[in-house]
Amino acid sequence: MSAPHPEVSGPTDSARLFWSRRRGKMLVLAIVVMAAIAALRLPSAFGILARAGFYGDVPKIFHDLVPRWFAGLPVYAYSYLAVHPPATYALMWPVFGPLDADTARAVWIALSIAAIGALVLISVRESLADSADERLFAALMPVCMYAMFFTVRSGQLGVLLLPLLVGALTILKRHAPSWKRDAAAAMLLLIALVKPTVAAPFIWIALFLPGGLRPVLLASFGYAALTMIALGFQPQDPATLFREWQGRTEDLAATGGSANLHRSMTRFALESWLLPVSLILLASLGWWTHRNRKADLWLLIGVAAIFARFWTYHRQYDDVLLLLPAIALFRLTKHAQAGDGADVKSGVLLALIVATWLLPINLLTTRRFHFLVVAPIMLLWIATAIFLAWQARARERLRNSTGVPEFRAAV
């Protein structure tokens, strides 16, 4: 997606020349395939969600658990699917507390549609696409993902969280500190913490952005307040509740999920180390984020998203997180530094990631092919995280030595 290069002196220049000559046809082909996949998958996914006919249906689960929680009935001892911390039930109450099941499902579907629309806008805006075909390619990225199909059909939270997290971080990055800015960002972060296993890694980015301490503190105080409110509706003491919650989460992590740290540790009988190892890794991400806090925001977001996917219990619907590093790669194809070949490398990684999104659903869910498909995809994610982390460091060194600014903000 870079401009043509007039000289051919190496592999990267050859790749640029190849792309400049075939760019139009390749983009059109990609757009047609992505659009066809999206047209087949999304209506089917929403149809399944509307019929409440899929195992693990999130609206059904929360419409069962949230009223129980606030009626003072057992939750963690009641359902093995009750793996959410107390504050999650408080955050979910406005939808699943006062509304009947059908109305709550309709609201959830409407929120999912709005979130997908927001992700399309984010993808187009933040990718820095500057032509009609590039914008269309960027717009199709969120809707063609196999993870979007998995997320929508079961009503999972990922599609709702990504716009909240991106919105909070871009507000903090692109606006001067003020109470208005900080309150808006804190509210978005607080709502995103409805699923801490996705949101927590991104809190480091917010914390280390200029003036980020206050909004993170506001979100933390809000989360603590919601936790205390939720605990007040349960007859058990908080220590017992938290032990039950931790037990449920560890049980689920040990028996379910794919391509994540918890499942891997369980296979080596290391269940007792799940919590300390998770905390150490999260702290390590915090150290890395602080060290690279002046890098382009989307490089930090891309690394945090891949970390979040591997860090703890997740299933294939949480592969929707890979949209964020894909946007970071798209930006790199548009703004590579001369001579480093980052535009070509990021373009290749982006093409491979998008290609994995278009794989047939049956290939991803059939146990016989699972390892053959998942293992290469995991290696691709790891390579992408390493590449983005390396770019963050390399561009920070370049900025320090030459004063070259980071990527321009999307307009």
Protein backbone atom coordinates (compact mmCIF):
# COMPACT_ATOMS: atom_id res chain seq x y z
CA MET A 1 0.00 0.00 0.00
CA SER A 2 3.07 2.21 -0.21
CA ALA A 3 3.93 4.44 -3.11
CA PRO A 4 5.92 2.90 -5.98
CA HIS A 5 9.69 2.87 -5.53
CA PRO A 6 11.69 4.01 -8.57
CA GLU A 7 14.75 1.81 -7.93
CA VAL A 8 15.01 -1.95 -7.56
CA SER A 9 18.09 -2.84 -5.52
CA GLY A 10 16.96 -5.58 -3.17
CA PRO A 11 14.09 -7.83 -2.04
CA THR A 12 12.14 -5.02 -0.40
CA ASP A 13 12.43 -2.78 -3.45
CA SER A 14 11.38 -5.71 -5.65
CA ALA A 15 8.36 -6.25 -3.42
CA ARG A 16 7.45 -2.58 -3.67
CA LEU A 17 7.70 -2.72 -7.45
CA PHE A 18 5.61 -5.90 -7.56
CA TRP A 19 2.94 -4.23 -5.42
CA SER A 20 2.93 -1.02 -7.42
CA ARG A 21 2.32 -2.95 -10.64
CA ARG A 22 -0.40 -5.26 -9.30
CA ARG A 23 -1.86 -3.17 -6.50
CA GLY A 24 -5.19 -2.46 -8.19
CA LYS A 25 -6.02 -6.04 -9.16
CA MET A 26 -4.88 -7.52 -5.84
CA LEU A 27 -6.86 -5.02 -3.77
CA VAL A 28 -9.99 -5.56 -5.85
CA LEU A 29 -9.66 -9.34 -5.48
CA ALA A 30 -9.16 -9.02 -1.72
CA ILE A 31 -12.13 -6.67 -1.38
CA VAL A 32 -14.43 -8.99 -3.35
CA VAL A 33 -13.46 -12.03 -1.26
CA MET A 34 -13.69 -10.13 2.05
CA ALA A 35 -17.08 -8.68 1.12
CA ALA A 36 -18.43 -12.07 0.10
CA ILE A 37 -17.23 -13.69 3.33
CA ALA A 38 -18.74 -10.89 5.42
CA ALA A 39 -22.05 -11.13 3.55
CA LEU A 40 -22.23 -14.85 4.29
CA ARG A 41 -21.08 -14.79 7.89
CA LEU A 42 -22.56 -11.75 9.62
CA PRO A 43 -26.26 -12.30 8.76
CA SER A 44 -25.91 -15.94 9.79
CA ALA A 45 -24.24 -14.96 13.08
CA PHE A 46 -26.94 -12.43 13.95
CA GLY A 47 -29.61 -14.95 13.02
CA ILE A 48 -28.16 -17.45 15.49
CA LEU A 49 -27.92 -14.79 18.19
CA ALA A 50 -31.51 -13.68 17.64
CA ARG A 51 -32.79 -17.26 17.91
CA ALA A 52 -30.81 -17.89 21.11
CA GLY A 53 -29.81 -21.24 19.70
CA PHE A 54 -26.08 -21.44 20.33
CA TYR A 55 -24.23 -23.01 23.24
CA GLY A 56 -22.58 -20.37 25.43
CA ASP A 57 -25.17 -17.73 24.51
CA VAL A 58 -23.98 -14.70 26.52
CA PRO A 59 -27.32 -12.81 26.72
CA LYS A 60 -29.00 -15.96 28.04
CA ILE A 61 -26.20 -16.55 30.57
CA PHE A 62 -26.26 -13.02 31.94
CA HIS A 63 -30.05 -12.83 31.99
CA ASP A 64 -29.90 -15.87 34.25
CA LEU A 65 -26.97 -14.82 36.45
CA VAL A 66 -27.41 -11.05 36.89
CA PRO A 67 -30.92 -11.24 38.46
CA ARG A 68 -29.73 -14.09 40.67
CA TRP A 69 -26.81 -12.02 41.90
CA PHE A 70 -28.94 -9.03 42.87
CA ALA A 71 -31.61 -11.28 44.39
CA GLY A 72 -28.96 -12.56 46.81
CA LEU A 73 -28.95 -16.07 45.32
CA PRO A 74 -25.79 -18.15 44.78
CA VAL A 75 -24.04 -17.51 41.48
CA TYR A 76 -20.57 -19.05 41.55
CA ALA A 77 -21.88 -22.22 43.18
CA TYR A 78 -24.86 -22.25 40.81
CA SER A 79 -23.23 -22.25 37.37
CA TYR A 80 -19.84 -23.25 36.01
CA LEU A 81 -20.29 -20.39 33.54
CA ALA A 82 -20.22 -17.84 36.38
CA VAL A 83 -16.60 -16.86 35.85
CA HIS A 84 -16.95 -13.08 36.03
CA PRO A 85 -15.86 -10.85 38.94
CA PRO A 86 -18.54 -9.10 41.04
CA ALA A 87 -18.20 -5.74 39.27
CA THR A 88 -19.15 -7.38 35.96
CA TYR A 89 -22.62 -8.18 37.30
CA ALA A 90 -23.05 -4.55 38.35
CA LEU A 91 -21.95 -3.32 34.92
CA MET A 92 -24.33 -5.76 33.23
CA TRP A 93 -27.32 -4.89 35.41
CA PRO A 94 -28.70 -2.02 33.23
CA VAL A 95 -29.32 -4.50 30.38
CA PHE A 96 -29.97 -7.81 32.13
CA GLY A 97 -31.41 -6.66 35.45
CA PRO A 98 -34.66 -4.78 34.76
CA LEU A 99 -35.34 -6.02 31.20
CA ASP A 100 -37.10 -9.22 30.20
CA ALA A 101 -35.13 -11.78 28.19
CA ASP A 102 -36.40 -10.79 24.72
CA THR A 103 -35.91 -7.07 25.29
CA ALA A 104 -32.44 -7.60 26.75
CA ARG A 105 -31.47 -9.70 23.73
CA ALA A 106 -32.75 -7.01 21.36
CA VAL A 107 -30.74 -4.36 23.19
CA TRP A 108 -27.66 -6.60 23.05
CA ILE A 109 -28.07 -7.08 19.31
CA ALA A 110 -28.44 -3.33 18.81
CA LEU A 111 -25.30 -2.68 20.88
CA SER A 112 -23.39 -5.27 18.84
CA ILE A 113 -24.44 -3.66 15.55
CA ALA A 114 -23.41 -0.23 16.84
CA ALA A 115 -20.07 -1.60 18.01
CA ILE A 116 -19.36 -3.20 14.63
CA GLY A 117 -20.15 0.13 12.97
CA ALA A 118 -17.74 1.85 15.35
CA LEU A 119 -15.02 -0.69 14.55
CA VAL A 120 -15.49 -0.10 10.82
CA LEU A 121 -15.06 3.65 11.35
CA ILE A 122 -12.02 3.09 13.57
CA SER A 123 -10.44 0.77 11.02
CA VAL A 124 -10.90 3.26 8.17
CA ARG A 125 -9.85 6.29 10.21
CA GLU A 126 -6.90 4.87 12.11
CA SER A 127 -5.42 2.78 9.29
CA LEU A 128 -4.52 6.04 7.49
CA ALA A 129 -5.95 4.62 4.26
CA ASP A 130 -5.89 7.41 1.69
CA SER A 131 -7.63 5.99 -1.38
CA ALA A 132 -11.10 4.62 -2.00
CA ASP A 133 -9.97 1.01 -2.43
CA GLU A 134 -7.78 1.14 0.68
CA ARG A 135 -10.62 2.59 2.73
CA LEU A 136 -12.95 -0.15 1.51
CA PHE A 137 -10.35 -2.80 2.39
CA ALA A 138 -9.97 -1.28 5.87
CA ALA A 139 -13.75 -1.08 6.33
CA LEU A 140 -14.11 -4.78 5.51
CA MET A 141 -11.43 -5.95 7.94
CA PRO A 142 -13.65 -6.04 11.05
CA VAL A 143 -16.66 -7.65 9.36
CA CYS A 144 -14.87 -10.43 7.47
CA MET A 145 -13.06 -11.90 10.50
CA TYR A 146 -13.95 -15.44 11.52
CA ALA A 147 -13.67 -14.13 15.08
CA MET A 148 -16.45 -11.64 14.40
CA PHE A 149 -18.69 -14.51 13.36
CA PHE A 150 -17.88 -16.43 16.56
CA THR A 151 -18.31 -13.30 18.67
CA VAL A 152 -21.65 -12.24 17.23
CA ARG A 153 -23.33 -15.64 17.14
CA SER A 154 -22.78 -16.16 20.88
CA GLY A 155 -23.16 -12.49 21.88
CA GLN A 156 -19.64 -12.26 23.26
CA LEU A 157 -18.22 -9.06 24.70
CA GLY A 158 -15.16 -8.52 22.52
CA VAL A 159 -16.92 -6.55 19.80
CA LEU A 160 -18.26 -4.14 22.43
CA LEU A 161 -14.95 -3.70 24.26
CA LEU A 162 -12.64 -2.79 21.38
CA PRO A 163 -14.33 0.55 20.51
CA LEU A 164 -14.36 1.47 24.22
CA LEU A 165 -10.65 0.76 24.65
CA VAL A 166 -9.59 2.47 21.43
CA GLY A 167 -11.83 5.42 22.22
CA ALA A 168 -10.36 5.86 25.70
CA LEU A 169 -6.76 5.62 24.53
CA THR A 170 -7.16 7.97 21.57
CA ILE A 171 -8.90 10.54 23.78
CA LEU A 172 -5.98 10.43 26.21
CA LYS A 173 -3.39 10.56 23.43
CA ARG A 174 -4.85 13.36 21.34
CA HIS A 175 -6.30 15.75 23.91
CA ALA A 176 -4.60 17.78 26.59
CA PRO A 177 -5.28 16.74 30.20
CA SER A 178 -8.52 18.14 31.61
CA TRP A 179 -11.30 16.91 33.86
CA LYS A 180 -13.59 16.54 30.86
CA ARG A 181 -11.04 14.42 28.95
CA ASP A 182 -10.15 12.33 31.97
CA ALA A 183 -13.76 11.68 32.98
CA ALA A 184 -14.68 10.57 29.45
CA ALA A 185 -11.67 8.25 29.17
CA ALA A 186 -12.22 6.85 32.67
CA MET A 187 -15.85 6.04 31.91
CA LEU A 188 -14.88 4.17 28.74
CA LEU A 189 -12.16 2.25 30.58
CA LEU A 190 -14.53 1.42 33.42
CA ILE A 191 -17.15 -0.03 31.09
CA ALA A 192 -14.46 -1.98 29.21
CA LEU A 193 -13.43 -3.59 32.51
CA VAL A 194 -16.64 -5.61 32.30
CA LYS A 195 -14.20 -8.20 30.92
CA PRO A 196 -10.90 -7.56 32.72
CA THR A 197 -9.08 -10.36 30.91
CA VAL A 198 -9.36 -8.30 27.72
CA ALA A 199 -9.18 -4.77 29.12
CA ALA A 200 -6.45 -5.04 31.78
CA PRO A 201 -3.41 -5.04 29.44
CA PHE A 202 -4.60 -1.81 27.82
CA ILE A 203 -4.77 -0.04 31.18
CA TRP A 204 -0.96 0.14 31.13
CA ILE A 205 -1.11 2.23 27.95
CA ALA A 206 -3.63 4.61 29.48
CA LEU A 207 -1.55 4.92 32.65
CA PHE A 208 1.65 5.90 30.83
CA LEU A 209 0.11 8.33 28.35
CA PRO A 210 0.54 12.03 29.29
CA GLY A 211 -1.80 12.80 32.16
CA GLY A 212 -2.95 9.18 32.28
CA LEU A 213 -2.71 8.68 36.04
CA ARG A 214 -5.91 10.56 36.91
CA PRO A 215 -8.25 8.78 34.44
CA VAL A 216 -6.82 5.39 35.47
CA LEU A 217 -7.38 6.25 39.13
CA LEU A 218 -10.93 7.38 38.35
CA ALA A 219 -11.63 4.11 36.52
CA SER A 220 -10.06 2.12 39.37
CA PHE A 221 -12.13 3.89 42.02
CA GLY A 222 -15.26 3.37 39.92
CA TYR A 223 -14.48 -0.34 39.54
CA ALA A 224 -13.86 -0.68 43.29
CA ALA A 225 -17.16 1.10 44.02
CA LEU A 226 -19.08 -1.21 41.67
CA THR A 227 -17.42 -4.20 43.31
CA MET A 228 -18.51 -3.05 46.76
CA ILE A 229 -22.07 -2.39 45.55
CA ALA A 230 -22.26 -5.85 43.97
CA LEU A 231 -20.85 -7.55 47.06
CA GLY A 232 -23.56 -5.90 49.15
CA PHE A 233 -26.23 -8.00 47.41
CA GLN A 234 -24.64 -11.36 48.25
CA PRO A 235 -25.06 -12.95 51.68
CA GLN A 236 -21.61 -14.54 51.66
CA ASP A 237 -18.55 -12.69 52.90
CA PRO A 238 -16.29 -11.15 50.22
CA ALA A 239 -13.40 -13.55 50.91
CA THR A 240 -15.60 -16.58 50.24
CA LEU A 241 -17.02 -15.03 47.08
CA PHE A 242 -13.60 -14.22 45.70
CA ARG A 243 -12.36 -17.74 46.44
CA GLU A 244 -15.37 -19.19 44.60
CA TRP A 245 -14.81 -16.82 41.68
CA GLN A 246 -11.12 -17.72 41.44
CA GLY A 247 -11.98 -21.41 41.61
CA ARG A 248 -14.50 -21.10 38.79
CA THR A 249 -12.10 -19.17 36.57
CA GLU A 250 -9.27 -21.65 37.15
CA ASP A 251 -11.55 -24.60 36.44
CA LEU A 252 -12.71 -23.09 33.16
CA ALA A 253 -9.19 -22.07 32.16
CA ALA A 254 -7.96 -25.60 32.81
CA THR A 255 -10.62 -27.28 30.68
CA GLY A 256 -11.53 -24.80 27.93
CA GLY A 257 -10.16 -22.16 25.65
CA SER A 258 -7.53 -22.29 22.94
CA ALA A 259 -4.14 -20.72 22.24
CA ASN A 260 -3.66 -19.19 25.66
CA LEU A 261 -1.25 -19.33 28.58
CA HIS A 262 -3.64 -20.97 31.04
CA ARG A 263 -4.46 -23.88 28.78
CA SER A 264 -0.77 -24.44 28.02
CA MET A 265 0.20 -24.42 31.69
CA THR A 266 -2.57 -26.86 32.53
CA ARG A 267 -1.20 -29.35 30.02
CA PHE A 268 2.05 -29.37 32.02
CA ALA A 269 0.23 -29.70 35.38
CA LEU A 270 1.16 -26.16 36.44
CA GLU A 271 -2.32 -25.03 37.51
CA SER A 272 -1.08 -23.80 40.90
CA TRP A 273 1.14 -21.27 39.11
CA LEU A 274 -1.59 -19.72 36.95
CA LEU A 275 -2.18 -16.63 39.09
CA PRO A 276 1.45 -15.70 39.90
CA VAL A 277 2.64 -16.29 36.33
CA SER A 278 -0.26 -14.22 34.96
CA LEU A 279 0.57 -11.34 37.30
CA ILE A 280 4.29 -11.48 36.48
CA LEU A 281 3.57 -11.38 32.76
CA LEU A 282 1.12 -8.51 33.18
CA ALA A 283 3.75 -6.60 35.16
CA SER A 284 6.28 -7.31 32.40
CA LEU A 285 3.92 -5.81 29.83
CA GLY A 286 3.65 -2.75 32.10
CA TRP A 287 7.44 -2.41 32.15
CA TRP A 288 7.63 -2.70 28.37
CA THR A 289 4.81 -0.20 27.87
CA HIS A 290 6.48 2.33 30.19
CA ARG A 291 9.76 1.93 28.36
CA ASN A 292 8.09 2.54 24.99
CA ARG A 293 5.42 4.98 26.16
CA LYS A 294 6.41 7.62 23.58
CA ALA A 295 6.05 5.25 20.63
CA ASP A 296 3.15 5.48 18.20
CA LEU A 297 -0.04 4.66 20.12
CA TRP A 298 -1.10 1.96 17.67
CA LEU A 299 2.14 0.04 18.06
CA LEU A 300 1.44 -0.12 21.81
CA ILE A 301 -2.18 -1.11 21.17
CA GLY A 302 -1.15 -3.84 18.74
CA VAL A 303 1.28 -5.43 21.20
CA ALA A 304 -1.20 -5.18 24.07
CA ALA A 305 -3.92 -6.83 21.97
CA ILE A 306 -1.77 -9.86 21.12
CA PHE A 307 -0.62 -10.09 24.74
CA ALA A 308 -4.25 -10.00 25.89
CA ARG A 309 -5.12 -12.84 23.51
CA PHE A 310 -2.39 -15.11 24.88
CA TRP A 311 -2.33 -13.91 28.49
CA THR A 312 -5.26 -15.80 29.99
CA TYR A 313 -8.34 -17.89 29.17
CA HIS A 314 -9.73 -17.07 25.74
CA ARG A 315 -11.52 -18.85 22.94
CA GLN A 316 -11.58 -18.20 19.21
CA TYR A 317 -14.16 -15.45 19.54
CA ASP A 318 -11.52 -13.36 21.31
CA ASP A 319 -9.38 -13.51 18.17
CA VAL A 320 -11.31 -10.34 17.36
CA LEU A 321 -8.45 -8.68 19.28
CA LEU A 322 -6.28 -9.26 16.20
CA LEU A 323 -8.08 -6.43 14.44
CA LEU A 324 -6.00 -3.98 16.47
CA PRO A 325 -2.53 -5.20 15.42
CA ALA A 326 -3.86 -5.44 11.85
CA ILE A 327 -4.66 -1.72 11.97
CA ALA A 328 -1.18 -1.06 13.37
CA LEU A 329 0.34 -2.99 10.47
CA PHE A 330 -1.78 -1.07 7.97
CA ARG A 331 -0.44 2.19 9.42
CA LEU A 332 3.12 0.94 9.01
CA THR A 333 2.55 0.20 5.33
CA LYS A 334 1.62 3.85 4.91
CA HIS A 335 4.41 5.43 6.95
CA ALA A 336 7.58 3.38 6.76
CA GLN A 337 10.96 5.01 7.35
CA ALA A 338 13.20 4.98 4.31
CA GLY A 339 15.49 2.01 4.07
CA ASP A 340 14.19 -0.16 6.90
CA GLY A 341 11.80 -2.26 4.81
CA ALA A 342 9.08 -1.98 7.46
CA ASP A 343 6.43 -1.18 4.87
CA VAL A 344 7.04 -4.46 3.04
CA LYS A 345 7.29 -6.57 6.20
CA SER A 346 4.14 -5.06 7.69
CA GLY A 347 2.31 -5.50 4.39
CA VAL A 348 3.22 -9.20 4.27
CA LEU A 349 2.16 -9.74 7.90
CA LEU A 350 -1.11 -7.88 7.28
CA ALA A 351 -1.87 -9.98 4.20
CA LEU A 352 -1.21 -13.20 6.11
CA ILE A 353 -3.38 -12.16 9.06
CA VAL A 354 -6.28 -11.17 6.82
CA ALA A 355 -5.89 -14.46 4.93
CA THR A 356 -6.32 -16.39 8.21
CA TRP A 357 -9.53 -14.46 8.87
CA LEU A 358 -10.99 -15.83 5.66
CA LEU A 359 -10.36 -19.51 6.47
CA PRO A 360 -13.50 -21.70 6.40
CA ILE A 361 -15.23 -21.93 9.76
CA ASN A 362 -15.27 -25.74 9.63
CA LEU A 363 -11.50 -25.80 9.26
CA LEU A 364 -11.17 -23.77 12.45
CA THR A 365 -13.61 -25.82 14.50
CA THR A 366 -12.89 -29.40 13.37
CA ARG A 367 -10.72 -31.07 15.99
CA ARG A 368 -8.87 -33.13 13.38
CA PHE A 369 -7.41 -30.03 11.75
CA HIS A 370 -7.30 -27.84 14.85
CA PHE A 371 -3.60 -28.07 15.66
CA LEU A 372 -2.53 -27.88 12.01
CA VAL A 373 -4.46 -24.60 11.67
CA VAL A 374 -4.05 -23.03 15.11
CA ALA A 375 -0.31 -23.58 15.52
CA PRO A 376 0.70 -21.60 12.39
CA ILE A 377 -1.78 -18.86 13.30
CA MET A 378 -0.27 -18.60 16.79
CA LEU A 379 3.23 -18.32 15.29
CA LEU A 380 1.96 -15.57 13.00
CA TRP A 381 0.57 -13.66 16.00
CA ILE A 382 3.85 -14.03 17.88
CA ALA A 383 5.83 -12.83 14.86
CA THR A 384 3.51 -9.84 14.56
CA ALA A 385 3.91 -8.94 18.25
CA ILE A 386 7.71 -9.15 17.97
CA PHE A 387 7.68 -7.03 14.81
CA LEU A 388 5.45 -4.35 16.34
CA ALA A 389 7.52 -4.29 19.54
CA TRP A 390 10.70 -3.96 17.49
CA GLN A 391 9.15 -1.14 15.47
CA ALA A 392 8.16 0.69 18.65
CA ARG A 393 11.73 0.55 19.92
CA ALA A 394 13.35 1.33 16.56
CA ARG A 395 11.16 4.36 15.95
CA GLU A 396 11.77 5.63 19.46
CA ARG A 397 15.52 5.50 18.83
CA LEU A 398 15.02 7.23 15.48
CA ARG A 399 12.94 9.97 17.09
CA ASN A 400 15.57 10.53 19.79
CA SER A 401 18.38 10.77 17.24
CA THR A 402 16.69 12.80 14.49
CA GLY A 403 13.60 14.41 15.99
CA VAL A 404 11.37 12.72 13.39
CA PRO A 405 7.78 12.83 14.77
CA GLU A 406 5.58 9.77 15.13
CA PHE A 407 2.76 9.05 12.74
CA ARG A 408 0.27 11.81 12.21
CA ALA A 409 -3.08 11.47 13.95
CA ALA A 410 -5.98 10.33 11.82
CA VAL A 411 -8.23 13.11 10.65
